[in-house]
C-alpha atoms as a PDB file:
ATOM      1  CA  MET A   1     -51.997  -6.191  42.673  1.00  0.00           C
ATOM      2  CA  CYS A   2     -54.612  -6.171  45.872  1.00  0.00           C
ATOM      3  CA  LEU A   3     -55.640  -8.934  47.731  1.00  0.00           C
ATOM      4  CA  SER A   4     -57.307  -6.825  50.221  1.00  0.00           C
ATOM      5  CA  LEU A   5     -60.624  -6.084  47.912  1.00  0.00           C
ATOM      6  CA  ILE A   6     -62.608  -5.085  51.408  1.00  0.00           C
ATOM      7  CA  GLY A   7     -61.920  -3.133  54.847  1.00  0.00           C
ATOM      8  CA  CYS A   8     -59.727   0.682  54.371  1.00  0.00           C
ATOM      9  CA  GLY A   9     -62.309   2.424  52.508  1.00  0.00           C
ATOM     10  CA  SER A  10     -60.016   5.136  50.947  1.00  0.00           C
ATOM     11  CA  LYS A  11     -59.484   5.167  47.020  1.00  0.00           C
ATOM     12  CA  SER A  12     -57.661   8.493  46.768  1.00  0.00           C
ATOM     13  CA  ASN A  13     -54.431   8.288  44.520  1.00  0.00           C
ATOM     14  CA  THR A  14     -51.986   9.742  47.296  1.00  0.00           C
ATOM     15  CA  SER A  15     -51.689   9.474  50.930  1.00  0.00           C
ATOM     16  CA  SER A  16     -50.525  11.753  52.906  1.00  0.00           C
ATOM     17  CA  ALA A  17     -47.740  10.215  55.518  1.00  0.00           C
ATOM     18  CA  GLY A  18     -48.542  13.026  58.706  1.00  0.00           C
ATOM     19  CA  GLN A  19     -44.788  12.796  59.381  1.00  0.00           C
ATOM     20  CA  GLY A  20     -42.842  14.436  56.785  1.00  0.00           C
ATOM     21  CA  SER A  21     -43.535  17.465  54.512  1.00  0.00           C
ATOM     22  CA  ALA A  22     -42.308  18.289  50.890  1.00  0.00           C
ATOM     23  CA  PRO A  23     -38.714  18.812  50.939  1.00  0.00           C
ATOM     24  CA  LYS A  24     -37.743  22.044  49.384  1.00  0.00           C
ATOM     25  CA  SER A  25     -34.289  21.328  47.740  1.00  0.00           C
ATOM     26  CA  SER A  26     -33.357  19.141  45.611  1.00  0.00           C
ATOM     27  CA  PHE A  27     -31.808  14.984  46.744  1.00  0.00           C
ATOM     28  CA  THR A  28     -28.453  14.731  45.577  1.00  0.00           C
ATOM     29  CA  PRO A  29     -28.112  12.504  42.680  1.00  0.00           C
ATOM     30  CA  GLY A  30     -26.674   8.752  42.924  1.00  0.00           C
ATOM     31  CA  SER A  31     -28.972   8.504  46.471  1.00  0.00           C
ATOM     32  CA  VAL A  32     -31.928   7.305  45.497  1.00  0.00           C
ATOM     33  CA  LEU A  33     -33.079   3.685  45.746  1.00  0.00           C
ATOM     34  CA  VAL A  34     -36.161   2.098  44.593  1.00  0.00           C
ATOM     35  CA  VAL A  35     -37.088  -1.248  46.507  1.00  0.00           C
ATOM     36  CA  PHE A  36     -40.089  -3.232  45.184  1.00  0.00           C
ATOM     37  CA  PHE A  37     -41.953  -6.416  45.192  1.00  0.00           C
ATOM     38  CA  SER A  38     -44.521  -7.616  42.578  1.00  0.00           C
ATOM     39  CA  ARG A  39     -45.723 -10.326  40.801  1.00  0.00           C
ATOM     40  CA  ALA A  40     -46.166 -10.726  37.213  1.00  0.00           C
ATOM     41  CA  GLY A  41     -48.647 -13.831  36.142  1.00  0.00           C
ATOM     42  CA  GLU A  42     -52.572 -13.961  36.326  1.00  0.00           C
ATOM     43  CA  GLN A  43     -53.639 -10.687  38.959  1.00  0.00           C
ATOM     44  CA  TYR A  44     -56.968  -9.392  39.454  1.00  0.00           C
ATOM     45  CA  ASN A  45     -58.938  -7.481  36.718  1.00  0.00           C
ATOM     46  CA  VAL A  46     -55.609  -7.569  34.587  1.00  0.00           C
ATOM     47  CA  GLY A  47     -56.030 -12.333  33.726  1.00  0.00           C
ATOM     48  CA  VAL A  48     -52.422 -12.743  32.797  1.00  0.00           C
ATOM     49  CA  ILE A  49     -50.100 -10.251  32.888  1.00  0.00           C
ATOM     50  CA  LYS A  50     -45.383 -10.321  32.066  1.00  0.00           C
ATOM     51  CA  LYS A  51     -44.574  -7.562  34.502  1.00  0.00           C
ATOM     52  CA  GLY A  52     -45.516  -6.501  37.826  1.00  0.00           C
ATOM     53  CA  ASN A  53     -47.938  -3.079  38.279  1.00  0.00           C
ATOM     54  CA  THR A  54     -46.082  -2.251  41.370  1.00  0.00           C
ATOM     55  CA  ALA A  55     -43.422  -3.215  38.825  1.00  0.00           C
ATOM     56  CA  ILE A  56     -44.643  -0.909  36.446  1.00  0.00           C
ATOM     57  CA  VAL A  57     -45.104   2.177  39.392  1.00  0.00           C
ATOM     58  CA  ALA A  58     -41.170   1.334  40.911  1.00  0.00           C
ATOM     59  CA  GLU A  59     -39.630   1.866  36.642  1.00  0.00           C
ATOM     60  CA  MET A  60     -42.422   5.306  36.012  1.00  0.00           C
ATOM     61  CA  ILE A  61     -40.442   6.709  40.005  1.00  0.00           C
ATOM     62  CA  ALA A  62     -37.247   5.696  38.530  1.00  0.00           C
ATOM     63  CA  ASP A  63     -37.240   6.706  35.434  1.00  0.00           C
ATOM     64  CA  ARG A  64     -38.179   9.963  36.743  1.00  0.00           C
ATOM     65  CA  THR A  65     -35.544  10.677  39.482  1.00  0.00           C
ATOM     66  CA  GLY A  66     -32.490   8.457  38.405  1.00  0.00           C
ATOM     67  CA  ALA A  67     -32.967   6.330  41.472  1.00  0.00           C
ATOM     68  CA  ASP A  68     -31.188   2.910  41.083  1.00  0.00           C
ATOM     69  CA  LEU A  69     -33.914  -0.057  41.072  1.00  0.00           C
ATOM     70  CA  TYR A  70     -33.693  -3.454  43.422  1.00  0.00           C
ATOM     71  CA  GLU A  71     -37.080  -5.733  43.261  1.00  0.00           C
ATOM     72  CA  VAL A  72     -37.607  -8.517  46.140  1.00  0.00           C
ATOM     73  CA  ARG A  73     -37.847 -11.616  44.463  1.00  0.00           C
ATOM     74  CA  PRO A  74     -38.800 -15.006  46.920  1.00  0.00           C
ATOM     75  CA  GLU A  75     -36.586 -17.307  47.045  1.00  0.00           C
ATOM     76  CA  LYS A  76     -39.242 -20.461  46.361  1.00  0.00           C
ATOM     77  CA  GLU A  77     -40.221 -18.710  43.511  1.00  0.00           C
ATOM     78  CA  SER A  78     -42.808 -20.803  42.574  1.00  0.00           C
ATOM     79  CA  ASN A  79     -44.611 -21.020  45.550  1.00  0.00           C
ATOM     80  CA  TYR A  80     -46.039 -17.450  44.200  1.00  0.00           C
ATOM     81  CA  ASN A  81     -46.285 -18.597  40.535  1.00  0.00           C
ATOM     82  CA  VAL A  82     -49.728 -19.673  41.655  1.00  0.00           C
ATOM     83  CA  GLY A  83     -53.623 -18.405  39.989  1.00  0.00           C
ATOM     84  CA  TYR A  84     -55.060 -15.010  41.214  1.00  0.00           C
ATOM     85  CA  GLU A  85     -57.236 -17.038  43.483  1.00  0.00           C
ATOM     86  CA  LYS A  86     -54.373 -19.342  45.473  1.00  0.00           C
ATOM     87  CA  LEU A  87     -52.053 -16.347  45.569  1.00  0.00           C
ATOM     88  CA  THR A  88     -54.545 -14.695  48.163  1.00  0.00           C
ATOM     89  CA  GLU A  89     -54.896 -17.558  50.446  1.00  0.00           C
ATOM     90  CA  ILE A  90     -51.097 -18.028  50.696  1.00  0.00           C
ATOM     91  CA  GLY A  91     -50.592 -14.636  51.318  1.00  0.00           C
ATOM     92  CA  LEU A  92     -53.130 -14.444  53.777  1.00  0.00           C
ATOM     93  CA  GLN A  93     -51.556 -17.995  55.378  1.00  0.00           C
ATOM     94  CA  GLU A  94     -48.477 -16.516  55.085  1.00  0.00           C
ATOM     95  CA  LYS A  95     -49.497 -12.818  57.550  1.00  0.00           C
ATOM     96  CA  ARG A  96     -51.645 -15.217  60.498  1.00  0.00           C
ATOM     97  CA  ASP A  97     -48.194 -16.619  60.290  1.00  0.00           C
ATOM     98  CA  LYS A  98     -46.152 -13.783  60.345  1.00  0.00           C
ATOM     99  CA  ALA A  99     -44.237 -15.816  57.903  1.00  0.00           C
ATOM    100  CA  ARG A 100     -41.041 -14.379  56.817  1.00  0.00           C
ATOM    101  CA  PRO A 101     -40.187 -15.437  53.625  1.00  0.00           C
ATOM    102  CA  GLU A 102     -36.721 -15.485  52.111  1.00  0.00           C
ATOM    103  CA  ILE A 103     -35.094 -13.296  49.551  1.00  0.00           C
ATOM    104  CA  ALA A 104     -33.296 -14.826  46.311  1.00  0.00           C
ATOM    105  CA  GLY A 105     -29.543 -13.400  45.944  1.00  0.00           C
ATOM    106  CA  THR A 106     -27.979 -10.344  47.925  1.00  0.00           C
ATOM    107  CA  LEU A 107     -29.151  -7.915  49.702  1.00  0.00           C
ATOM    108  CA  PRO A 108     -28.505  -3.982  48.780  1.00  0.00           C
ATOM    109  CA  ASP A 109     -26.016  -1.972  50.166  1.00  0.00           C
ATOM    110  CA  LEU A 110     -28.408   0.836  51.740  1.00  0.00           C
ATOM    111  CA  SER A 111     -25.811   3.018  53.402  1.00  0.00           C
ATOM    112  CA  LYS A 112     -24.831   4.714  50.311  1.00  0.00           C
ATOM    113  CA  TYR A 113     -28.804   6.186  49.905  1.00  0.00           C
ATOM    114  CA  ASP A 114     -30.612   8.897  52.009  1.00  0.00           C
ATOM    115  CA  THR A 115     -33.994   8.145  50.166  1.00  0.00           C
ATOM    116  CA  ILE A 116     -35.519   4.887  49.646  1.00  0.00           C
ATOM    117  CA  PHE A 117     -38.800   4.446  47.996  1.00  0.00           C
ATOM    118  CA  PHE A 118     -40.788   0.994  48.780  1.00  0.00           C
ATOM    119  CA  GLY A 119     -42.626  -0.440  46.544  1.00  0.00           C
ATOM    120  CA  THR A 120     -45.763  -3.417  47.112  1.00  0.00           C
ATOM    121  CA  PRO A 121     -48.884  -4.192  46.244  1.00  0.00           C
ATOM    122  CA  VAL A 122     -51.270  -4.429  48.588  1.00  0.00           C
ATOM    123  CA  TRP A 123     -52.027  -7.617  50.319  1.00  0.00           C
ATOM    124  CA  TRP A 124     -54.416  -8.101  53.125  1.00  0.00           C
ATOM    125  CA  GLU A 125     -54.737  -4.520  54.430  1.00  0.00           C
ATOM    126  CA  ASP A 126     -50.713  -4.736  54.785  1.00  0.00           C
ATOM    127  CA  TRP A 127     -47.194  -5.421  53.207  1.00  0.00           C
ATOM    128  CA  PRO A 128     -46.427  -8.967  51.771  1.00  0.00           C
ATOM    129  CA  MET A 129     -44.716 -10.956  54.424  1.00  0.00           C
ATOM    130  CA  ILE A 130     -41.939 -10.999  52.552  1.00  0.00           C
ATOM    131  CA  MET A 131     -41.048  -6.866  52.729  1.00  0.00           C
ATOM    132  CA  TYR A 132     -41.162  -7.612  56.383  1.00  0.00           C
ATOM    133  CA  THR A 133     -38.719 -10.046  55.488  1.00  0.00           C
ATOM    134  CA  PHE A 134     -35.991  -7.776  53.390  1.00  0.00           C
ATOM    135  CA  PHE A 135     -37.351  -4.670  56.735  1.00  0.00           C
ATOM    136  CA  GLU A 136     -36.133  -6.908  59.610  1.00  0.00           C
ATOM    137  CA  ASN A 137     -32.863  -7.681  57.809  1.00  0.00           C
ATOM    138  CA  ASN A 138     -31.742  -3.045  57.223  1.00  0.00           C
ATOM    139  CA  LYS A 139     -31.996  -1.698  59.542  1.00  0.00           C
ATOM    140  CA  LEU A 140     -32.565   1.969  59.218  1.00  0.00           C
ATOM    141  CA  SER A 141     -32.302   5.412  60.804  1.00  0.00           C
ATOM    142  CA  GLY A 142     -31.817   9.083  59.529  1.00  0.00           C
ATOM    143  CA  LYS A 143     -33.337   8.940  56.501  1.00  0.00           C
ATOM    144  CA  LYS A 144     -35.958   9.485  54.030  1.00  0.00           C
ATOM    145  CA  LEU A 145     -39.038   7.054  53.443  1.00  0.00           C
ATOM    146  CA  ILE A 146     -41.401   6.924  50.634  1.00  0.00           C
ATOM    147  CA  PRO A 147     -44.218   4.416  50.525  1.00  0.00           C
ATOM    148  CA  PHE A 148     -45.655   3.609  47.151  1.00  0.00           C
ATOM    149  CA  VAL A 149     -48.163   1.060  46.255  1.00  0.00           C
ATOM    150  CA  THR A 150     -50.981  -0.685  43.611  1.00  0.00           C
ATOM    151  CA  HIS A 151     -54.121  -1.611  44.972  1.00  0.00           C
ATOM    152  CA  ALA A 152     -58.124  -2.264  43.503  1.00  0.00           C
ATOM    153  CA  GLY A 153     -59.689  -0.193  45.908  1.00  0.00           C
ATOM    154  CA  SER A 154     -57.725  -0.244  49.070  1.00  0.00           C
ATOM    155  CA  GLY A 155     -55.728   2.770  49.026  1.00  0.00           C
ATOM    156  CA  MET A 156     -52.730   3.614  50.583  1.00  0.00           C
ATOM    157  CA  CYS A 157     -54.813   1.268  53.625  1.00  0.00           C
ATOM    158  CA  GLY A 158     -52.277   2.213  56.435  1.00  0.00           C
ATOM    159  CA  LEU A 159     -49.131   0.955  54.838  1.00  0.00           C
ATOM    160  CA  ASP A 160     -47.434   4.150  55.444  1.00  0.00           C
ATOM    161  CA  GLN A 161     -48.314   3.522  59.535  1.00  0.00           C
ATOM    162  CA  LYS A 162     -46.709   0.264  59.275  1.00  0.00           C
ATOM    163  CA  LEU A 163     -43.936   1.626  57.439  1.00  0.00           C
ATOM    164  CA  ALA A 164     -43.476   4.251  60.141  1.00  0.00           C
ATOM    165  CA  ALA A 165     -43.121   1.851  62.995  1.00  0.00           C
ATOM    166  CA  VAL A 166     -40.845  -0.845  61.502  1.00  0.00           C
ATOM    167  CA  TYR A 167     -38.358   2.355  60.920  1.00  0.00           C
ATOM    168  CA  PRO A 168     -39.260   5.225  63.770  1.00  0.00           C
ATOM    169  CA  ASN A 169     -35.722   6.784  63.341  1.00  0.00           C
ATOM    170  CA  CYS A 170     -36.607   7.667  60.031  1.00  0.00           C
ATOM    171  CA  GLU A 171     -38.389  10.533  58.280  1.00  0.00           C
ATOM    172  CA  LEU A 172     -41.644   9.422  56.679  1.00  0.00           C
ATOM    173  CA  LEU A 173     -42.754  11.437  53.608  1.00  0.00           C
ATOM    174  CA  THR A 174     -45.974  11.322  51.043  1.00  0.00           C
ATOM    175  CA  GLY A 175     -46.959   8.153  49.423  1.00  0.00           C
ATOM    176  CA  ILE A 176     -49.251   6.904  46.647  1.00  0.00           C
ATOM    177  CA  ALA A 177     -51.481   4.117  46.016  1.00  0.00           C
ATOM    178  CA  ILE A 178     -52.060   3.845  42.481  1.00  0.00           C
ATOM    179  CA  VAL A 179     -54.569   1.075  41.068  1.00  0.00           C
ATOM    180  CA  GLY A 180     -53.238  -1.606  39.927  1.00  0.00           C
ATOM    181  CA  GLU A 181     -55.213  -2.145  36.953  1.00  0.00           C
ATOM    182  CA  GLN A 182     -54.549   1.261  35.503  1.00  0.00           C
ATOM    183  CA  ALA A 183     -51.201   1.553  35.600  1.00  0.00           C
ATOM    184  CA  GLN A 184     -51.488  -1.578  33.402  1.00  0.00           C
ATOM    185  CA  LYS A 185     -53.862  -0.725  30.842  1.00  0.00           C
ATOM    186  CA  ASP A 186     -53.309   2.763  31.076  1.00  0.00           C
ATOM    187  CA  PRO A 187     -49.860   3.815  31.694  1.00  0.00           C
ATOM    188  CA  GLY A 188     -50.214   7.266  30.634  1.00  0.00           C
ATOM    189  CA  PRO A 189     -51.785   8.490  33.093  1.00  0.00           C
ATOM    190  CA  VAL A 190     -50.981   6.879  35.686  1.00  0.00           C
ATOM    191  CA  LYS A 191     -47.228   8.219  34.723  1.00  0.00           C
ATOM    192  CA  GLU A 192     -48.803  11.287  35.081  1.00  0.00           C
ATOM    193  CA  THR A 193     -49.850  10.900  38.461  1.00  0.00           C
ATOM    194  CA  VAL A 194     -46.352   9.846  39.396  1.00  0.00           C
ATOM    195  CA  ASN A 195     -44.080  13.002  38.108  1.00  0.00           C
ATOM    196  CA  ASN A 196     -46.802  15.383  40.136  1.00  0.00           C
ATOM    197  CA  TRP A 197     -46.276  13.367  43.002  1.00  0.00           C
ATOM    198  CA  LEU A 198     -43.195  13.424  42.274  1.00  0.00           C
ATOM    199  CA  GLU A 199     -42.326  16.896  41.702  1.00  0.00           C
ATOM    200  CA  ASN A 200     -44.285  17.732  45.294  1.00  0.00           C
ATOM    201  CA  LEU A 201     -41.707  15.606  47.242  1.00  0.00           C
ATOM    202  CA  GLY A 202     -38.516  17.539  45.467  1.00  0.00           C
ATOM    203  CA  PHE A 203     -38.378  15.709  42.475  1.00  0.00           C
END
């Protein structure tokens, strides 16, 4: 899903963060985590779906890397169980308000992970505000961070640099931007693209 239907302009599948490069050695098994936010229900150009676009990509990453998965879920799930157009309005209002929606359940212990993937749909050229709730409750330093997004035409839209600004003491590696519709409707080629990207990162 991408709530940012205009602006940014980039439609490439990958986005270089500019602050890190592909590591030459393998990552340590058991030290990788995939944190993601994803929405099912009625979504842009795919109808009503049972699994969110970002969730599909997150599972592809976990399959390839053996990473643990953590899904960011809102405490008030009902606030987001609405149609696509209404969801765009909610996302925009949360951004204007700089809202920090509460996260359901217990946050993960990130201390045991060396590398963390952060995944999200692009909402109004930004991370959804609930992801900032996660960021602000998890101070990180010295870790490798890798962003991935699903979108409807905006590409990475600068979310990699926003992540770098949140965690200036971490190493940002090259992220990837996947068209949400493709992840939902034609996952085979998307998985190949994701695997090639991960191979370039050293996985």
